[in-house]
């Protein structure tokens, strides 16, 4: 069993918000184009820490627009020769 929560983030198209949140926190999440809204499945499999990270990511997006959002941290994976693997 899971609870479905549907919401919007002011200033964010749903698809852009989903794309960003998928890179910032674990969640079973999708956009609902007809509503321009996001939907997250909240169930027994999510830990409290995962929910906290997700809500922190939503708060971050809510405080910015897609243009003003700080970039995500990235991790470069290097090959044996020290060059980035793409």
C-alpha atoms as a PDB file:
ATOM      1  CA  UNK A   1       0.000   0.000   0.000  1.00  0.00           C
ATOM      2  CA  UNK A   2       1.143   3.508  -0.735  1.00  0.00           C
ATOM      3  CA  UNK A   3      -0.131   7.016  -0.454  1.00  0.00           C
ATOM      4  CA  UNK A   4      -0.080   9.209  -3.542  1.00  0.00           C
ATOM      5  CA  UNK A   5       0.622  12.883  -2.945  1.00  0.00           C
ATOM      6  CA  UNK A   6       0.008  15.330  -5.789  1.00  0.00           C
ATOM      7  CA  UNK A   7       1.367  18.875  -5.616  1.00  0.00           C
ATOM      8  CA  UNK A   8       2.857  21.788  -7.539  1.00  0.00           C
ATOM      9  CA  UNK A   9       5.921  23.912  -6.889  1.00  0.00           C
ATOM     10  CA  UNK A  10       5.262  27.569  -7.651  1.00  0.00           C
ATOM     11  CA  UNK A  11       7.338  28.792 -10.576  1.00  0.00           C
ATOM     12  CA  UNK A  12       8.247  25.299 -11.786  1.00  0.00           C
ATOM     13  CA  UNK A  13       6.740  23.360 -14.676  1.00  0.00           C
ATOM     14  CA  UNK A  14       6.029  19.868 -13.354  1.00  0.00           C
ATOM     15  CA  UNK A  15       8.347  18.097 -15.825  1.00  0.00           C
ATOM     16  CA  UNK A  16      11.279  20.371 -14.933  1.00  0.00           C
ATOM     17  CA  UNK A  17      10.653  19.855 -11.208  1.00  0.00           C
ATOM     18  CA  UNK A  18      10.540  16.068 -11.623  1.00  0.00           C
ATOM     19  CA  UNK A  19      13.783  16.105 -13.627  1.00  0.00           C
ATOM     20  CA  UNK A  20      15.512  18.139 -10.939  1.00  0.00           C
ATOM     21  CA  UNK A  21      14.127  16.214  -7.962  1.00  0.00           C
ATOM     22  CA  UNK A  22      15.102  12.867  -9.486  1.00  0.00           C
ATOM     23  CA  UNK A  23      18.723  14.016  -9.335  1.00  0.00           C
ATOM     24  CA  UNK A  24      18.554  15.429  -5.821  1.00  0.00           C
ATOM     25  CA  UNK A  25      16.638  12.808  -3.806  1.00  0.00           C
ATOM     26  CA  UNK A  26      15.257   9.282  -3.993  1.00  0.00           C
ATOM     27  CA  UNK A  27      11.542   9.185  -4.726  1.00  0.00           C
ATOM     28  CA  UNK A  28       9.035   7.354  -6.846  1.00  0.00           C
ATOM     29  CA  UNK A  29       7.905  10.455  -8.655  1.00  0.00           C
ATOM     30  CA  UNK A  30       6.257  11.454 -11.915  1.00  0.00           C
ATOM     31  CA  UNK A  31       4.627  14.426 -13.514  1.00  0.00           C
ATOM     32  CA  UNK A  32       0.940  14.656 -14.386  1.00  0.00           C
ATOM     33  CA  UNK A  33       0.920  16.724 -17.588  1.00  0.00           C
ATOM     34  CA  UNK A  34      -2.844  17.310 -17.601  1.00  0.00           C
ATOM     35  CA  UNK A  35      -2.546  18.994 -14.178  1.00  0.00           C
ATOM     36  CA  UNK A  36       1.014  20.321 -14.549  1.00  0.00           C
ATOM     37  CA  UNK A  37       1.579  18.715 -11.162  1.00  0.00           C
ATOM     38  CA  UNK A  38       3.945  16.229  -9.520  1.00  0.00           C
ATOM     39  CA  UNK A  39       2.941  12.972  -7.867  1.00  0.00           C
ATOM     40  CA  UNK A  40       5.030  11.064  -5.348  1.00  0.00           C
ATOM     41  CA  UNK A  41       4.311   7.578  -4.030  1.00  0.00           C
ATOM     42  CA  UNK A  42       4.896   7.460  -0.291  1.00  0.00           C
ATOM     43  CA  UNK A  43       4.964   3.975   1.186  1.00  0.00           C
ATOM     44  CA  UNK A  44       6.537   1.637   3.680  1.00  0.00           C
ATOM     45  CA  UNK A  45       9.718   1.373   1.605  1.00  0.00           C
ATOM     46  CA  UNK A  46      10.749   4.988   2.223  1.00  0.00           C
ATOM     47  CA  UNK A  47      12.835   5.749   5.261  1.00  0.00           C
ATOM     48  CA  UNK A  48      12.369   8.871   7.308  1.00  0.00           C
ATOM     49  CA  UNK A  49      15.785  10.091   6.108  1.00  0.00           C
ATOM     50  CA  UNK A  50      14.730   9.655   2.448  1.00  0.00           C
ATOM     51  CA  UNK A  51      11.546  11.615   3.067  1.00  0.00           C
ATOM     52  CA  UNK A  52      13.561  14.328   4.799  1.00  0.00           C
ATOM     53  CA  UNK A  53      15.953  14.579   1.810  1.00  0.00           C
ATOM     54  CA  UNK A  54      13.003  14.731  -0.568  1.00  0.00           C
ATOM     55  CA  UNK A  55      11.250  17.507   1.365  1.00  0.00           C
ATOM     56  CA  UNK A  56      14.540  19.424   1.600  1.00  0.00           C
ATOM     57  CA  UNK A  57      14.902  19.161  -2.191  1.00  0.00           C
ATOM     58  CA  UNK A  58      11.314  20.392  -2.679  1.00  0.00           C
ATOM     59  CA  UNK A  59      12.018  23.302  -0.319  1.00  0.00           C
ATOM     60  CA  UNK A  60      15.140  24.139  -2.329  1.00  0.00           C
ATOM     61  CA  UNK A  61      13.184  24.203  -5.589  1.00  0.00           C
ATOM     62  CA  UNK A  62      10.394  26.232  -3.974  1.00  0.00           C
ATOM     63  CA  UNK A  63      12.923  28.898  -3.013  1.00  0.00           C
ATOM     64  CA  UNK A  64      14.192  29.261  -6.578  1.00  0.00           C
ATOM     65  CA  UNK A  65      13.139  29.289 -10.185  1.00  0.00           C
ATOM     66  CA  UNK A  66      14.666  26.908 -12.718  1.00  0.00           C
ATOM     67  CA  UNK A  67      16.980  29.780 -13.737  1.00  0.00           C
ATOM     68  CA  UNK A  68      18.201  30.640 -10.213  1.00  0.00           C
ATOM     69  CA  UNK A  69      18.571  27.132  -8.764  1.00  0.00           C
ATOM     70  CA  UNK A  70      22.134  26.403  -7.597  1.00  0.00           C
ATOM     71  CA  UNK A  71      23.784  23.661  -9.663  1.00  0.00           C
ATOM     72  CA  UNK A  72      23.804  20.106  -8.362  1.00  0.00           C
ATOM     73  CA  UNK A  73      27.042  18.685  -7.122  1.00  0.00           C
ATOM     74  CA  UNK A  74      28.472  16.204  -9.554  1.00  0.00           C
ATOM     75  CA  UNK A  75      30.859  13.319  -9.184  1.00  0.00           C
ATOM     76  CA  UNK A  76      33.361  12.629 -11.925  1.00  0.00           C
ATOM     77  CA  UNK A  77      34.233   8.986 -12.444  1.00  0.00           C
ATOM     78  CA  UNK A  78      37.806   8.699 -13.623  1.00  0.00           C
ATOM     79  CA  UNK A  79      39.325   5.937 -15.676  1.00  0.00           C
ATOM     80  CA  UNK A  80      42.661   4.272 -14.973  1.00  0.00           C
ATOM     81  CA  UNK A  81      44.410   7.004 -16.961  1.00  0.00           C
ATOM     82  CA  UNK A  82      42.798   9.725 -14.824  1.00  0.00           C
ATOM     83  CA  UNK A  83      40.479  11.031 -17.543  1.00  0.00           C
ATOM     84  CA  UNK A  84      36.721  11.294 -16.937  1.00  0.00           C
ATOM     85  CA  UNK A  85      34.568   8.394 -18.074  1.00  0.00           C
ATOM     86  CA  UNK A  86      31.503   9.657 -19.910  1.00  0.00           C
END
